[in-house]
C-alpha cells in the first residue's frame, strides 16, 4: 500500500497493478462454486477486471463499486501487504 500526495492509499495486487485500499470490501479465494459464479456474473455485467497478466487467478478482490478484480497473488500475500502498510501509516 502506498500513499499518494492526496492521502489515497493504494495496495499493490501484483505486476505493477494497484487498487485503492479504501475501496476494497473483501479479498477471497476463487476456488469455490459460488466464487466462480460471482466471477461469471461480474464478467457478464462488464465489472470484471483481470490483473493476472495471463497467470492463474489466486485471489478475487471485491470492491465497493461492485467490481471484481482478479489477481495472481495469494490472498495471504495481499493481506500481508495490506497489514504491513497499515502498521507503517498507523
PDB file of N, CA and C in Angstrom:
ATOM      1  N   UNK A   1       0.854  -1.164   0.000  1.00  0.00           N
ATOM      2  CA  UNK A   1       0.000   0.000   0.000  1.00  0.00           C
ATOM      3  C   UNK A   1       0.900   1.227   0.000  1.00  0.00           C
ATOM      4  N   UNK A   2       0.530   2.192  -0.792  1.00  0.00           N
ATOM      5  CA  UNK A   2       1.306   3.415  -0.869  1.00  0.00           C
ATOM      6  C   UNK A   2       0.365   4.593  -0.680  1.00  0.00           C
ATOM      7  N   UNK A   3       0.893   5.678  -0.161  1.00  0.00           N
ATOM      8  CA  UNK A   3       0.086   6.898  -0.026  1.00  0.00           C
ATOM      9  C   UNK A   3       0.566   7.897  -1.054  1.00  0.00           C
ATOM     10  N   UNK A   4      -0.369   8.441  -1.798  1.00  0.00           N
ATOM     11  CA  UNK A   4      -0.025   9.475  -2.766  1.00  0.00           C
ATOM     12  C   UNK A   4      -0.058  10.822  -2.059  1.00  0.00           C
ATOM     13  N   UNK A   5       0.142  11.862  -2.820  1.00  0.00           N
ATOM     14  CA  UNK A   5       0.141  13.217  -2.264  1.00  0.00           C
ATOM     15  C   UNK A   5      -1.191  13.587  -1.633  1.00  0.00           C
ATOM     16  N   UNK A   6      -2.294  13.037  -2.122  1.00  0.00           N
ATOM     17  CA  UNK A   6      -3.614  13.385  -1.620  1.00  0.00           C
ATOM     18  C   UNK A   6      -4.075  12.464  -0.494  1.00  0.00           C
ATOM     19  N   UNK A   7      -3.226  11.599   0.008  1.00  0.00           N
ATOM     20  CA  UNK A   7      -3.582  10.717   1.107  1.00  0.00           C
ATOM     21  C   UNK A   7      -4.301   9.460   0.673  1.00  0.00           C
ATOM     22  N   UNK A   8      -4.373   9.183  -0.619  1.00  0.00           N
ATOM     23  CA  UNK A   8      -5.025   7.987  -1.136  1.00  0.00           C
ATOM     24  C   UNK A   8      -4.110   6.788  -0.914  1.00  0.00           C
ATOM     25  N   UNK A   9      -4.609   5.747  -0.254  1.00  0.00           N
ATOM     26  CA  UNK A   9      -3.823   4.543  -0.005  1.00  0.00           C
ATOM     27  C   UNK A   9      -4.043   3.554  -1.136  1.00  0.00           C
ATOM     28  N   UNK A  10      -2.956   3.080  -1.720  1.00  0.00           N
ATOM     29  CA  UNK A  10      -3.009   2.111  -2.811  1.00  0.00           C
ATOM     30  C   UNK A  10      -2.310   0.832  -2.376  1.00  0.00           C
ATOM     31  N   UNK A  11      -2.874  -0.299  -2.762  1.00  0.00           N
ATOM     32  CA  UNK A  11      -2.261  -1.580  -2.442  1.00  0.00           C
ATOM     33  C   UNK A  11      -1.880  -2.277  -3.746  1.00  0.00           C
ATOM     34  N   UNK A  12      -0.647  -2.789  -3.783  1.00  0.00           N
ATOM     35  CA  UNK A  12      -0.130  -3.477  -4.961  1.00  0.00           C
ATOM     36  C   UNK A  12      -0.758  -4.872  -5.020  1.00  0.00           C
ATOM     37  N   UNK A  13      -1.407  -5.187  -6.136  1.00  0.00           N
ATOM     38  CA  UNK A  13      -2.034  -6.503  -6.294  1.00  0.00           C
ATOM     39  C   UNK A  13      -1.274  -7.362  -7.300  1.00  0.00           C
ATOM     40  N   UNK A  14      -0.059  -6.941  -7.624  1.00  0.00           N
ATOM     41  CA  UNK A  14       0.808  -7.725  -8.489  1.00  0.00           C
ATOM     42  C   UNK A  14       1.025  -7.112  -9.854  1.00  0.00           C
ATOM     43  N   UNK A  15       2.242  -7.267 -10.369  1.00  0.00           N
ATOM     44  CA  UNK A  15       2.631  -6.849 -11.709  1.00  0.00           C
ATOM     45  C   UNK A  15       2.419  -5.362 -11.955  1.00  0.00           C
ATOM     46  N   UNK A  16       2.630  -4.558 -10.927  1.00  0.00           N
ATOM     47  CA  UNK A  16       2.506  -3.115 -11.060  1.00  0.00           C
ATOM     48  C   UNK A  16       1.081  -2.591 -10.996  1.00  0.00           C
ATOM     49  N   UNK A  17       0.131  -3.460 -10.754  1.00  0.00           N
ATOM     50  CA  UNK A  17      -1.271  -3.052 -10.646  1.00  0.00           C
ATOM     51  C   UNK A  17      -1.590  -2.698  -9.203  1.00  0.00           C
ATOM     52  N   UNK A  18      -2.323  -1.616  -9.005  1.00  0.00           N
ATOM     53  CA  UNK A  18      -2.688  -1.174  -7.664  1.00  0.00           C
ATOM     54  C   UNK A  18      -4.186  -0.908  -7.589  1.00  0.00           C
ATOM     55  N   UNK A  19      -4.716  -1.033  -6.370  1.00  0.00           N
ATOM     56  CA  UNK A  19      -6.132  -0.781  -6.105  1.00  0.00           C
ATOM     57  C   UNK A  19      -6.216   0.137  -4.894  1.00  0.00           C
ATOM     58  N   UNK A  20      -7.187   1.013  -4.901  1.00  0.00           N
ATOM     59  CA  UNK A  20      -7.410   1.887  -3.758  1.00  0.00           C
ATOM     60  C   UNK A  20      -7.836   1.037  -2.564  1.00  0.00           C
ATOM     61  N   UNK A  21      -7.074   1.104  -1.498  1.00  0.00           N
ATOM     62  CA  UNK A  21      -7.337   0.285  -0.314  1.00  0.00           C
ATOM     63  C   UNK A  21      -8.693   0.600   0.308  1.00  0.00           C
ATOM     64  N   UNK A  22      -9.114   1.839   0.227  1.00  0.00           N
ATOM     65  CA  UNK A  22     -10.395   2.231   0.832  1.00  0.00           C
ATOM     66  C   UNK A  22     -11.589   1.688   0.062  1.00  0.00           C
ATOM     67  N   UNK A  23     -11.387   1.225  -1.159  1.00  0.00           N
ATOM     68  CA  UNK A  23     -12.491   0.699  -1.976  1.00  0.00           C
ATOM     69  C   UNK A  23     -12.656  -0.813  -1.850  1.00  0.00           C
ATOM     70  N   UNK A  24     -11.676  -1.492  -1.239  1.00  0.00           N
ATOM     71  CA  UNK A  24     -11.716  -2.952  -1.127  1.00  0.00           C
ATOM     72  C   UNK A  24     -12.669  -3.368  -0.014  1.00  0.00           C
ATOM     73  N   UNK A  25     -13.586  -4.265  -0.355  1.00  0.00           N
ATOM     74  CA  UNK A  25     -14.516  -4.826   0.627  1.00  0.00           C
ATOM     75  C   UNK A  25     -14.006  -6.178   1.115  1.00  0.00           C
ATOM     76  N   UNK A  26     -13.510  -7.017   0.171  1.00  0.00           N
ATOM     77  CA  UNK A  26     -13.050  -8.355   0.546  1.00  0.00           C
ATOM     78  C   UNK A  26     -12.002  -8.856  -0.431  1.00  0.00           C
ATOM     79  N   UNK A  27     -11.135  -9.736   0.077  1.00  0.00           N
ATOM     80  CA  UNK A  27     -10.166 -10.460  -0.744  1.00  0.00           C
ATOM     81  C   UNK A  27     -10.418 -11.931  -0.453  1.00  0.00           C
ATOM     82  N   UNK A  28     -10.830 -12.683  -1.483  1.00  0.00           N
ATOM     83  CA  UNK A  28     -11.265 -14.063  -1.259  1.00  0.00           C
ATOM     84  C   UNK A  28     -10.605 -15.048  -2.217  1.00  0.00           C
ATOM     85  N   UNK A  29     -10.607 -16.315  -1.808  1.00  0.00           N
ATOM     86  CA  UNK A  29     -10.064 -17.405  -2.610  1.00  0.00           C
ATOM     87  C   UNK A  29     -11.083 -17.754  -3.703  1.00  0.00           C
ATOM     88  N   UNK A  30     -10.639 -17.905  -4.950  1.00  0.00           N
ATOM     89  CA  UNK A  30     -11.573 -18.077  -6.061  1.00  0.00           C
ATOM     90  C   UNK A  30     -12.045 -19.502  -6.341  1.00  0.00           C
ATOM     91  N   UNK A  31     -11.663 -20.486  -5.553  1.00  0.00           N
ATOM     92  CA  UNK A  31     -11.903 -21.878  -5.902  1.00  0.00           C
ATOM     93  C   UNK A  31     -13.314 -22.413  -5.790  1.00  0.00           C
ATOM     94  N   UNK A  32     -14.142 -21.882  -4.911  1.00  0.00           N
ATOM     95  CA  UNK A  32     -15.471 -22.472  -4.692  1.00  0.00           C
ATOM     96  C   UNK A  32     -16.446 -22.124  -5.820  1.00  0.00           C
ATOM     97  N   UNK A  33     -17.489 -22.922  -5.923  1.00  0.00           N
ATOM     98  CA  UNK A  33     -18.508 -22.699  -6.952  1.00  0.00           C
ATOM     99  C   UNK A  33     -19.182 -21.329  -6.839  1.00  0.00           C
ATOM    100  N   UNK A  34     -19.550 -20.872  -5.629  1.00  0.00           N
ATOM    101  CA  UNK A  34     -20.153 -19.532  -5.544  1.00  0.00           C
ATOM    102  C   UNK A  34     -19.213 -18.426  -6.036  1.00  0.00           C
ATOM    103  N   UNK A  35     -17.919 -18.565  -5.793  1.00  0.00           N
ATOM    104  CA  UNK A  35     -16.974 -17.548  -6.251  1.00  0.00           C
ATOM    105  C   UNK A  35     -16.820 -17.594  -7.769  1.00  0.00           C
ATOM    106  N   UNK A  36     -16.896 -18.786  -8.340  1.00  0.00           N
ATOM    107  CA  UNK A  36     -16.847 -18.910  -9.795  1.00  0.00           C
ATOM    108  C   UNK A  36     -18.074 -18.261 -10.420  1.00  0.00           C
ATOM    109  N   UNK A  37     -19.246 -18.444  -9.796  1.00  0.00           N
ATOM    110  CA  UNK A  37     -20.474 -17.797 -10.292  1.00  0.00           C
ATOM    111  C   UNK A  37     -20.376 -16.279 -10.162  1.00  0.00           C
ATOM    112  N   UNK A  38     -19.827 -15.815  -9.044  1.00  0.00           N
ATOM    113  CA  UNK A  38     -19.643 -14.377  -8.828  1.00  0.00           C
ATOM    114  C   UNK A  38     -18.774 -13.785  -9.936  1.00  0.00           C
ATOM    115  N   UNK A  39     -17.714 -14.488 -10.272  1.00  0.00           N
ATOM    116  CA  UNK A  39     -16.806 -14.053 -11.343  1.00  0.00           C
ATOM    117  C   UNK A  39     -17.524 -14.012 -12.685  1.00  0.00           C
ATOM    118  N   UNK A  40     -18.278 -15.048 -13.004  1.00  0.00           N
ATOM    119  CA  UNK A  40     -19.003 -15.106 -14.272  1.00  0.00           C
ATOM    120  C   UNK A  40     -20.060 -14.003 -14.368  1.00  0.00           C
ATOM    121  N   UNK A  41     -20.753 -13.744 -13.262  1.00  0.00           N
ATOM    122  CA  UNK A  41     -21.762 -12.685 -13.248  1.00  0.00           C
ATOM    123  C   UNK A  41     -21.123 -11.314 -13.456  1.00  0.00           C
ATOM    124  N   UNK A  42     -19.987 -11.088 -12.820  1.00  0.00           N
ATOM    125  CA  UNK A  42     -19.279  -9.813 -12.979  1.00  0.00           C
ATOM    126  C   UNK A  42     -18.826  -9.634 -14.426  1.00  0.00           C
ATOM    127  N   UNK A  43     -18.376 -10.714 -15.037  1.00  0.00           N
ATOM    128  CA  UNK A  43     -17.949 -10.647 -16.431  1.00  0.00           C
ATOM    129  C   UNK A  43     -19.126 -10.287 -17.337  1.00  0.00           C
ATOM    130  N   UNK A  44     -20.265 -10.874 -17.062  1.00  0.00           N
ATOM    131  CA  UNK A  44     -21.467 -10.588 -17.843  1.00  0.00           C
ATOM    132  C   UNK A  44     -21.935  -9.149 -17.708  1.00  0.00           C
ATOM    133  N   UNK A  45     -21.718  -8.547 -16.544  1.00  0.00           N
ATOM    134  CA  UNK A  45     -22.113  -7.156 -16.295  1.00  0.00           C
ATOM    135  C   UNK A  45     -21.037  -6.155 -16.714  1.00  0.00           C
ATOM    136  N   UNK A  46     -19.887  -6.647 -17.167  1.00  0.00           N
ATOM    137  CA  UNK A  46     -18.793  -5.752 -17.547  1.00  0.00           C
ATOM    138  C   UNK A  46     -18.073  -5.172 -16.342  1.00  0.00           C
ATOM    139  N   UNK A  47     -18.111  -5.874 -15.205  1.00  0.00           N
ATOM    140  CA  UNK A  47     -17.494  -5.389 -13.970  1.00  0.00           C
ATOM    141  C   UNK A  47     -16.315  -6.256 -13.539  1.00  0.00           C
ATOM    142  N   UNK A  48     -15.751  -7.038 -14.464  1.00  0.00           N
ATOM    143  CA  UNK A  48     -14.613  -7.903 -14.160  1.00  0.00           C
ATOM    144  C   UNK A  48     -13.337  -7.243 -14.670  1.00  0.00           C
ATOM    145  N   UNK A  49     -12.334  -7.148 -13.795  1.00  0.00           N
ATOM    146  CA  UNK A  49     -11.037  -6.588 -14.160  1.00  0.00           C
ATOM    147  C   UNK A  49      -9.989  -7.671 -13.948  1.00  0.00           C
ATOM    148  N   UNK A  50      -9.310  -8.057 -15.019  1.00  0.00           N
ATOM    149  CA  UNK A  50      -8.298  -9.110 -14.944  1.00  0.00           C
ATOM    150  C   UNK A  50      -6.916  -8.483 -14.814  1.00  0.00           C
ATOM    151  N   UNK A  51      -6.315  -8.613 -13.638  1.00  0.00           N
ATOM    152  CA  UNK A  51      -4.973  -8.079 -13.382  1.00  0.00           C
ATOM    153  C   UNK A  51      -3.966  -9.208 -13.186  1.00  0.00           C
ATOM    154  N   UNK A  52      -4.233 -10.378 -13.788  1.00  0.00           N
ATOM    155  CA  UNK A  52      -3.371 -11.546 -13.591  1.00  0.00           C
ATOM    156  C   UNK A  52      -2.208 -11.626 -14.562  1.00  0.00           C
ATOM    157  N   UNK A  53      -2.222 -10.817 -15.611  1.00  0.00           N
ATOM    158  CA  UNK A  53      -1.188 -10.867 -16.643  1.00  0.00           C
ATOM    159  C   UNK A  53      -1.078 -12.271 -17.244  1.00  0.00           C
ATOM    160  N   UNK A  54      -2.199 -12.964 -17.387  1.00  0.00           N
ATOM    161  CA  UNK A  54      -2.224 -14.284 -18.004  1.00  0.00           C
ATOM    162  C   UNK A  54      -1.895 -15.439 -17.076  1.00  0.00           C
ATOM    163  N   UNK A  55      -1.656 -15.152 -15.822  1.00  0.00           N
ATOM    164  CA  UNK A  55      -1.339 -16.207 -14.857  1.00  0.00           C
ATOM    165  C   UNK A  55      -2.604 -16.714 -14.162  1.00  0.00           C
ATOM    166  N   UNK A  56      -2.446 -17.749 -13.367  1.00  0.00           N
ATOM    167  CA  UNK A  56      -3.569 -18.346 -12.651  1.00  0.00           C
ATOM    168  C   UNK A  56      -4.143 -17.358 -11.626  1.00  0.00           C
ATOM    169  N   UNK A  57      -5.473 -17.285 -11.567  1.00  0.00           N
ATOM    170  CA  UNK A  57      -6.135 -16.421 -10.594  1.00  0.00           C
ATOM    171  C   UNK A  57      -6.059 -17.069  -9.223  1.00  0.00           C
ATOM    172  N   UNK A  58      -5.493 -16.348  -8.258  1.00  0.00           N
ATOM    173  CA  UNK A  58      -5.352 -16.869  -6.899  1.00  0.00           C
ATOM    174  C   UNK A  58      -6.112 -16.054  -5.871  1.00  0.00           C
ATOM    175  N   UNK A  59      -6.658 -14.902  -6.299  1.00  0.00           N
ATOM    176  CA  UNK A  59      -7.455 -14.081  -5.387  1.00  0.00           C
ATOM    177  C   UNK A  59      -8.476 -13.272  -6.171  1.00  0.00           C
ATOM    178  N   UNK A  60      -9.659 -13.132  -5.579  1.00  0.00           N
ATOM    179  CA  UNK A  60     -10.686 -12.238  -6.104  1.00  0.00           C
ATOM    180  C   UNK A  60     -10.782 -11.070  -5.141  1.00  0.00           C
ATOM    181  N   UNK A  61     -10.736  -9.870  -5.681  1.00  0.00           N
ATOM    182  CA  UNK A  61     -10.857  -8.671  -4.861  1.00  0.00           C
ATOM    183  C   UNK A  61     -12.201  -8.043  -5.199  1.00  0.00           C
ATOM    184  N   UNK A  62     -13.039  -7.885  -4.182  1.00  0.00           N
ATOM    185  CA  UNK A  62     -14.352  -7.294  -4.369  1.00  0.00           C
ATOM    186  C   UNK A  62     -14.290  -5.852  -3.889  1.00  0.00           C
ATOM    187  N   UNK A  63     -14.774  -4.933  -4.729  1.00  0.00           N
ATOM    188  CA  UNK A  63     -14.742  -3.514  -4.384  1.00  0.00           C
ATOM    189  C   UNK A  63     -16.144  -2.997  -4.077  1.00  0.00           C
ATOM    190  N   UNK A  64     -16.194  -1.825  -3.473  1.00  0.00           N
ATOM    191  CA  UNK A  64     -17.484  -1.225  -3.134  1.00  0.00           C
ATOM    192  C   UNK A  64     -18.260  -0.747  -4.361  1.00  0.00           C
ATOM    193  N   UNK A  65     -17.620  -0.686  -5.515  1.00  0.00           N
ATOM    194  CA  UNK A  65     -18.296  -0.315  -6.759  1.00  0.00           C
ATOM    195  C   UNK A  65     -18.830  -1.535  -7.498  1.00  0.00           C
ATOM    196  N   UNK A  66     -18.794  -2.704  -6.829  1.00  0.00           N
ATOM    197  CA  UNK A  66     -19.298  -3.971  -7.374  1.00  0.00           C
ATOM    198  C   UNK A  66     -18.394  -4.545  -8.461  1.00  0.00           C
ATOM    199  N   UNK A  67     -17.155  -4.075  -8.552  1.00  0.00           N
ATOM    200  CA  UNK A  67     -16.188  -4.650  -9.475  1.00  0.00           C
ATOM    201  C   UNK A  67     -15.524  -5.852  -8.806  1.00  0.00           C
ATOM    202  N   UNK A  68     -15.169  -6.828  -9.621  1.00  0.00           N
ATOM    203  CA  UNK A  68     -14.395  -7.982  -9.179  1.00  0.00           C
ATOM    204  C   UNK A  68     -13.054  -7.903  -9.896  1.00  0.00           C
ATOM    205  N   UNK A  69     -11.978  -7.877  -9.115  1.00  0.00           N
ATOM    206  CA  UNK A  69     -10.631  -7.781  -9.675  1.00  0.00           C
ATOM    207  C   UNK A  69      -9.935  -9.111  -9.450  1.00  0.00           C
ATOM    208  N   UNK A  70      -9.372  -9.674 -10.524  1.00  0.00           N
ATOM    209  CA  UNK A  70      -8.639 -10.929 -10.444  1.00  0.00           C
ATOM    210  C   UNK A  70      -7.166 -10.633 -10.227  1.00  0.00           C
ATOM    211  N   UNK A  71      -6.549 -11.337  -9.277  1.00  0.00           N
ATOM    212  CA  UNK A  71      -5.128 -11.159  -9.001  1.00  0.00           C
ATOM    213  C   UNK A  71      -4.430 -12.511  -9.001  1.00  0.00           C
ATOM    214  N   UNK A  72      -3.195 -12.525  -9.458  1.00  0.00           N
ATOM    215  CA  UNK A  72      -2.393 -13.748  -9.452  1.00  0.00           C
ATOM    216  C   UNK A  72      -1.695 -13.955  -8.113  1.00  0.00           C
ATOM    217  N   UNK A  73      -1.794 -12.984  -7.215  1.00  0.00           N
ATOM    218  CA  UNK A  73      -1.189 -13.122  -5.887  1.00  0.00           C
ATOM    219  C   UNK A  73      -2.112 -13.906  -4.964  1.00  0.00           C
ATOM    220  N   UNK A  74      -1.529 -14.605  -4.003  1.00  0.00           N
ATOM    221  CA  UNK A  74      -2.300 -15.328  -2.997  1.00  0.00           C
ATOM    222  C   UNK A  74      -3.037 -14.333  -2.106  1.00  0.00           C
ATOM    223  N   UNK A  75      -4.170 -14.755  -1.572  1.00  0.00           N
ATOM    224  CA  UNK A  75      -4.942 -13.933  -0.638  1.00  0.00           C
ATOM    225  C   UNK A  75      -4.066 -13.518   0.535  1.00  0.00           C
ATOM    226  N   UNK A  76      -3.270 -14.443   1.046  1.00  0.00           N
ATOM    227  CA  UNK A  76      -2.404 -14.165   2.192  1.00  0.00           C
ATOM    228  C   UNK A  76      -1.383 -13.075   1.880  1.00  0.00           C
ATOM    229  N   UNK A  77      -0.850 -13.087   0.666  1.00  0.00           N
ATOM    230  CA  UNK A  77       0.138 -12.095   0.256  1.00  0.00           C
ATOM    231  C   UNK A  77      -0.484 -10.702   0.220  1.00  0.00           C
ATOM    232  N   UNK A  78      -1.663 -10.596  -0.369  1.00  0.00           N
ATOM    233  CA  UNK A  78      -2.349  -9.305  -0.429  1.00  0.00           C
ATOM    234  C   UNK A  78      -2.685  -8.824   0.980  1.00  0.00           C
ATOM    235  N   UNK A  79      -3.155  -9.737   1.823  1.00  0.00           N
ATOM    236  CA  UNK A  79      -3.497  -9.384   3.205  1.00  0.00           C
ATOM    237  C   UNK A  79      -2.272  -8.887   3.959  1.00  0.00           C
ATOM    238  N   UNK A  80      -1.146  -9.560   3.802  1.00  0.00           N
ATOM    239  CA  UNK A  80       0.085  -9.144   4.481  1.00  0.00           C
ATOM    240  C   UNK A  80       0.538  -7.760   4.017  1.00  0.00           C
ATOM    241  N   UNK A  81       0.429  -7.481   2.728  1.00  0.00           N
ATOM    242  CA  UNK A  81       0.800  -6.160   2.213  1.00  0.00           C
ATOM    243  C   UNK A  81      -0.104  -5.090   2.811  1.00  0.00           C
ATOM    244  N   UNK A  82      -1.370  -5.423   2.917  1.00  0.00           N
ATOM    245  CA  UNK A  82      -2.344  -4.500   3.489  1.00  0.00           C
ATOM    246  C   UNK A  82      -2.002  -4.206   4.942  1.00  0.00           C
ATOM    247  N   UNK A  83      -1.758  -5.261   5.730  1.00  0.00           N
ATOM    248  CA  UNK A  83      -1.472  -5.103   7.154  1.00  0.00           C
ATOM    249  C   UNK A  83      -0.126  -4.435   7.413  1.00  0.00           C
ATOM    250  N   UNK A  84       0.880  -4.747   6.614  1.00  0.00           N
ATOM    251  CA  UNK A  84       2.205  -4.157   6.769  1.00  0.00           C
ATOM    252  C   UNK A  84       2.161  -2.650   6.589  1.00  0.00           C
ATOM    253  N   UNK A  85       1.479  -2.205   5.566  1.00  0.00           N
ATOM    254  CA  UNK A  85       1.383  -0.767   5.326  1.00  0.00           C
ATOM    255  C   UNK A  85       0.491  -0.074   6.346  1.00  0.00           C
ATOM    256  N   UNK A  86      -0.499  -0.792   6.842  1.00  0.00           N
ATOM    257  CA  UNK A  86      -1.361  -0.225   7.882  1.00  0.00           C
ATOM    258  C   UNK A  86      -0.544   0.074   9.141  1.00  0.00           C
ATOM    259  N   UNK A  87       0.403  -0.833   9.460  1.00  0.00           N
ATOM    260  CA  UNK A  87       1.277  -0.607  10.615  1.00  0.00           C
ATOM    261  C   UNK A  87       2.167   0.604  10.408  1.00  0.00           C
ATOM    262  N   UNK A  88       2.705   0.735   9.174  1.00  0.00           N
ATOM    263  CA  UNK A  88       3.598   1.854   8.875  1.00  0.00           C
ATOM    264  C   UNK A  88       2.885   3.187   8.966  1.00  0.00           C
ATOM    265  N   UNK A  89       1.658   3.235   8.482  1.00  0.00           N
ATOM    266  CA  UNK A  89       0.940   4.519   8.466  1.00  0.00           C
ATOM    267  C   UNK A  89       0.221   4.804   9.780  1.00  0.00           C
ATOM    268  N   UNK A  90       0.047   3.783  10.616  1.00  0.00           N
ATOM    269  CA  UNK A  90      -0.711   3.984  11.843  1.00  0.00           C
ATOM    270  C   UNK A  90       0.091   4.015  13.049  1.00  0.00           C
TER     271      UNK A  90
END
